[in-house]
């Protein structure tokens, strides 16, 4: 089973790297759409194929493995440079132990298009949302708020099709949560017990970080 998952992850990573190379090559070649200024339409619906991993500062980095996932988004254009986005994504991250984490973030964000004269379009993204967590087989679940920051580069492949790559950073706020009940109700160690039997770190609720890197396809209408 582990070998099969490793093959799937490796295939997904290779696909994204190859797509990125083709994306750069196509962006540097002349095209009919590159010779004329084409503006986004008012609405856009799309999906993404992503790789999820823990953030560089997350304490979960030594526990959870990176994993493949997907997402959907809907955008509305307000001005030439500003759009709003509603999105949802999903992934399942395996751990080095026997547990598995289901991660489903739902967000609302604003997107700012950088005013650069280029066939490529560069977007900055910031927003807020709430993420659903479910840990199996412990059967623990809940919702946590998060902050979203992102960067995106895309190109018009056709009048109604946009393709690109995006990088998103999720900062999950969990320090408002209480410690698990079995930890709160754990008996205190008597003072006369030898210090050697007091080993083990105390429980602490910390915030989490996740990153997402993937390719996206948007259909404008």
Protein backbone atom coordinates (compact mmCIF):
# COMPACT_ATOMS: atom_id res chain seq x y z
CA UNK A 1 0.00 0.00 0.00
CA UNK A 2 2.84 2.40 0.91
CA UNK A 3 4.59 1.64 -2.40
CA UNK A 4 1.40 2.34 -4.34
CA UNK A 5 0.89 5.70 -2.60
CA UNK A 6 4.53 6.64 -3.24
CA UNK A 7 4.09 5.88 -6.94
CA UNK A 8 0.91 8.00 -7.07
CA UNK A 9 2.59 10.93 -5.32
CA UNK A 10 5.69 10.71 -7.52
CA UNK A 11 3.54 10.63 -10.65
CA UNK A 12 1.61 13.67 -9.47
CA UNK A 13 4.75 15.65 -8.70
CA UNK A 14 6.27 14.77 -12.08
CA UNK A 15 3.09 15.84 -13.85
CA UNK A 16 3.12 19.25 -12.13
CA UNK A 17 6.81 19.80 -12.92
CA UNK A 18 6.33 18.87 -16.59
CA UNK A 19 3.28 21.12 -16.79
CA UNK A 20 5.28 24.00 -15.32
CA UNK A 21 8.01 23.56 -17.94
CA UNK A 22 5.48 23.50 -20.78
CA UNK A 23 3.77 26.52 -19.22
CA UNK A 24 6.99 28.59 -19.34
CA UNK A 25 7.73 27.49 -22.92
CA UNK A 26 4.24 28.38 -24.15
CA UNK A 27 4.39 31.75 -22.39
CA UNK A 28 7.57 32.69 -24.23
CA UNK A 29 6.27 31.73 -27.68
CA UNK A 30 4.18 34.08 -29.89
CA UNK A 31 0.45 33.59 -30.01
CA UNK A 32 -2.63 35.23 -31.41
CA UNK A 33 -3.83 35.87 -27.87
CA UNK A 34 -0.51 37.46 -26.97
CA UNK A 35 -0.83 40.00 -29.80
CA UNK A 36 -4.04 41.49 -28.54
CA UNK A 37 -5.20 42.72 -25.17
CA UNK A 38 -7.80 40.31 -23.85
CA UNK A 39 -9.55 41.23 -20.62
CA UNK A 40 -11.12 38.80 -18.16
CA UNK A 41 -14.81 38.36 -18.31
CA UNK A 42 -16.95 39.08 -15.28
CA UNK A 43 -17.09 35.53 -13.88
CA UNK A 44 -14.79 32.52 -13.81
CA UNK A 45 -15.20 28.95 -12.61
CA UNK A 46 -12.28 26.57 -12.34
CA UNK A 47 -10.51 23.71 -10.64
CA UNK A 48 -6.99 22.87 -9.55
CA UNK A 49 -4.78 19.81 -9.08
CA UNK A 50 -2.50 20.32 -6.09
CA UNK A 51 0.20 19.03 -3.81
CA UNK A 52 -0.36 19.72 -0.10
CA UNK A 53 2.32 19.71 2.58
CA UNK A 54 2.91 21.08 6.05
CA UNK A 55 4.42 24.55 6.28
CA UNK A 56 8.13 25.10 6.97
CA UNK A 57 7.41 26.28 10.52
CA UNK A 58 4.78 23.71 11.40
CA UNK A 59 5.41 21.16 14.15
CA UNK A 60 3.47 18.65 12.04
CA UNK A 61 6.30 18.47 9.50
CA UNK A 62 7.83 15.40 11.14
CA UNK A 63 4.46 13.65 11.39
CA UNK A 64 2.44 14.27 8.21
CA UNK A 65 3.49 13.37 4.68
CA UNK A 66 2.79 15.50 1.60
CA UNK A 67 -0.19 14.43 -0.47
CA UNK A 68 -2.13 15.11 -3.66
CA UNK A 69 -5.43 16.97 -3.64
CA UNK A 70 -7.83 19.05 -5.70
CA UNK A 71 -9.91 22.19 -5.45
CA UNK A 72 -12.66 24.28 -7.03
CA UNK A 73 -13.07 28.07 -7.18
CA UNK A 74 -15.46 30.73 -8.41
CA UNK A 75 -14.33 34.29 -9.14
CA UNK A 76 -16.10 37.57 -9.79
CA UNK A 77 -14.38 40.58 -11.34
CA UNK A 78 -15.06 43.95 -9.68
CA UNK A 79 -12.47 46.11 -11.39
CA UNK A 80 -9.76 45.45 -13.96
CA UNK A 81 -7.32 44.58 -11.16
CA UNK A 82 -9.51 43.27 -8.32
CA UNK A 83 -11.53 40.06 -8.06
CA UNK A 84 -13.19 38.11 -5.28
CA UNK A 85 -12.91 34.34 -4.96
CA UNK A 86 -14.79 31.61 -3.16
CA UNK A 87 -12.98 28.28 -3.07
CA UNK A 88 -12.88 24.84 -1.54
CA UNK A 89 -10.18 22.18 -1.70
CA UNK A 90 -9.62 18.74 -0.28
CA UNK A 91 -6.74 16.43 0.54
CA UNK A 92 -5.93 13.49 2.78
CA UNK A 93 -2.52 13.48 4.43
CA UNK A 94 -1.05 10.28 5.81
CA UNK A 95 1.09 10.33 8.92
CA UNK A 96 4.19 8.42 9.90
CA UNK A 97 1.99 6.74 12.48
CA UNK A 98 -1.24 4.88 11.75
CA UNK A 99 -3.44 7.96 11.47
CA UNK A 100 -4.71 9.93 8.49
CA UNK A 101 -5.79 13.58 8.32
CA UNK A 102 -8.61 14.80 6.08
CA UNK A 103 -8.12 18.53 5.35
CA UNK A 104 -10.92 20.54 3.64
CA UNK A 105 -10.36 24.34 3.65
CA UNK A 106 -13.13 26.70 2.51
CA UNK A 107 -12.13 30.31 1.88
CA UNK A 108 -13.20 33.76 0.73
CA UNK A 109 -10.39 35.91 -0.64
CA UNK A 110 -9.58 38.99 -2.69
CA UNK A 111 -7.24 38.85 -5.69
CA UNK A 112 -5.12 41.72 -6.98
CA UNK A 113 -3.64 41.56 -10.47
CA UNK A 114 -0.23 43.20 -10.69
CA UNK A 115 -0.14 45.93 -13.40
CA UNK A 116 2.61 44.39 -15.53
CA UNK A 117 2.81 44.48 -19.32
CA UNK A 118 3.20 40.78 -20.03
CA UNK A 119 1.36 37.86 -21.53
CA UNK A 120 1.61 36.30 -18.12
CA UNK A 121 -0.72 37.59 -15.42
CA UNK A 122 0.58 37.74 -11.84
CA UNK A 123 -1.93 37.75 -8.99
CA UNK A 124 -1.61 38.26 -5.25
CA UNK A 125 -4.25 36.69 -3.03
CA UNK A 126 -5.30 37.16 0.58
CA UNK A 127 -8.30 35.94 2.49
CA UNK A 128 -9.91 34.15 5.41
CA UNK A 129 -11.69 30.88 5.80
CA UNK A 130 -12.47 27.84 7.90
CA UNK A 131 -11.03 24.36 7.49
CA UNK A 132 -12.61 21.04 8.34
CA UNK A 133 -10.32 18.47 9.96
CA UNK A 134 -11.00 14.80 10.52
CA UNK A 135 -8.46 12.43 12.04
CA UNK A 136 -8.91 8.72 11.44
CA UNK A 137 -9.10 6.21 13.05
CA UNK A 138 -9.28 8.43 16.15
CA UNK A 139 -12.59 9.80 14.79
CA UNK A 140 -11.76 13.37 15.87
CA UNK A 141 -13.12 16.22 13.74
CA UNK A 142 -13.89 19.93 13.83
CA UNK A 143 -13.58 23.34 12.16
CA UNK A 144 -10.71 25.81 12.61
CA UNK A 145 -10.33 29.36 11.20
CA UNK A 146 -7.36 30.17 8.99
CA UNK A 147 -5.55 32.97 7.17
CA UNK A 148 -4.78 32.48 3.46
CA UNK A 149 -1.98 34.14 1.46
CA UNK A 150 -1.22 33.20 -2.13
CA UNK A 151 0.54 33.96 -5.38
CA UNK A 152 -0.55 32.96 -8.87
CA UNK A 153 0.78 33.18 -12.41
CA UNK A 154 -1.46 32.38 -15.37
CA UNK A 155 -1.92 32.84 -19.10
CA UNK A 156 -4.89 32.96 -21.47
CA UNK A 157 -4.73 29.77 -23.52
CA UNK A 158 -7.97 30.67 -25.30
CA UNK A 159 -10.63 33.33 -25.08
CA UNK A 160 -12.51 31.36 -22.43
CA UNK A 161 -9.72 29.25 -20.91
CA UNK A 162 -7.03 30.32 -18.47
CA UNK A 163 -4.30 28.03 -17.19
CA UNK A 164 -1.70 28.71 -14.54
CA UNK A 165 0.09 27.71 -11.39
CA UNK A 166 -0.59 28.85 -7.83
CA UNK A 167 1.04 28.72 -4.42
CA UNK A 168 -1.06 29.15 -1.28
CA UNK A 169 -0.13 29.36 2.40
CA UNK A 170 -2.64 28.40 5.10
CA UNK A 171 -2.11 29.53 8.69
CA UNK A 172 -4.52 27.51 10.83
CA UNK A 173 -5.49 29.11 14.14
CA UNK A 174 -5.94 26.40 16.78
CA UNK A 175 -4.70 27.96 20.01
CA UNK A 176 -8.26 28.91 20.97
CA UNK A 177 -9.01 25.22 21.47
CA UNK A 178 -8.90 23.45 24.82
CA UNK A 179 -6.65 20.51 25.49
CA UNK A 180 -8.28 17.06 25.06
CA UNK A 181 -10.34 15.91 27.99
CA UNK A 182 -8.14 12.93 28.77
CA UNK A 183 -5.16 15.30 29.03
CA UNK A 184 -6.97 17.86 31.20
CA UNK A 185 -8.15 15.16 33.58
CA UNK A 186 -4.83 13.32 33.77
CA UNK A 187 -3.69 12.81 37.39
CA UNK A 188 -0.82 14.94 38.58
CA UNK A 189 2.49 13.27 39.36
CA UNK A 190 3.14 13.25 43.14
CA UNK A 191 6.02 15.41 44.28
CA UNK A 192 7.84 12.48 45.89
CA UNK A 193 8.08 10.54 42.60
CA UNK A 194 11.56 10.23 41.14
CA UNK A 195 12.27 12.81 38.39
CA UNK A 196 13.08 9.99 35.99
CA UNK A 197 9.41 9.05 35.97
CA UNK A 198 8.27 12.57 35.15
CA UNK A 199 9.55 12.37 31.58
CA UNK A 200 7.45 13.36 28.62
CA UNK A 201 6.53 16.73 27.23
CA UNK A 202 3.51 18.61 28.51
CA UNK A 203 0.57 18.99 26.14
CA UNK A 204 0.26 22.28 24.25
CA UNK A 205 -2.21 23.44 21.60
CA UNK A 206 -0.30 25.10 18.74
CA UNK A 207 -1.23 26.65 15.41
CA UNK A 208 -0.63 24.74 12.15
CA UNK A 209 0.68 25.69 8.73
CA UNK A 210 -0.02 24.10 5.34
CA UNK A 211 1.11 24.99 1.84
CA UNK A 212 -0.44 24.15 -1.51
CA UNK A 213 1.24 24.13 -4.93
CA UNK A 214 -0.64 23.20 -8.06
CA UNK A 215 -1.92 23.87 -11.53
CA UNK A 216 -5.27 25.52 -12.24
CA UNK A 217 -7.73 25.70 -15.10
CA UNK A 218 -10.25 28.55 -15.24
CA UNK A 219 -13.25 28.88 -17.57
CA UNK A 220 -14.43 32.46 -18.09
CA UNK A 221 -18.00 33.36 -18.96
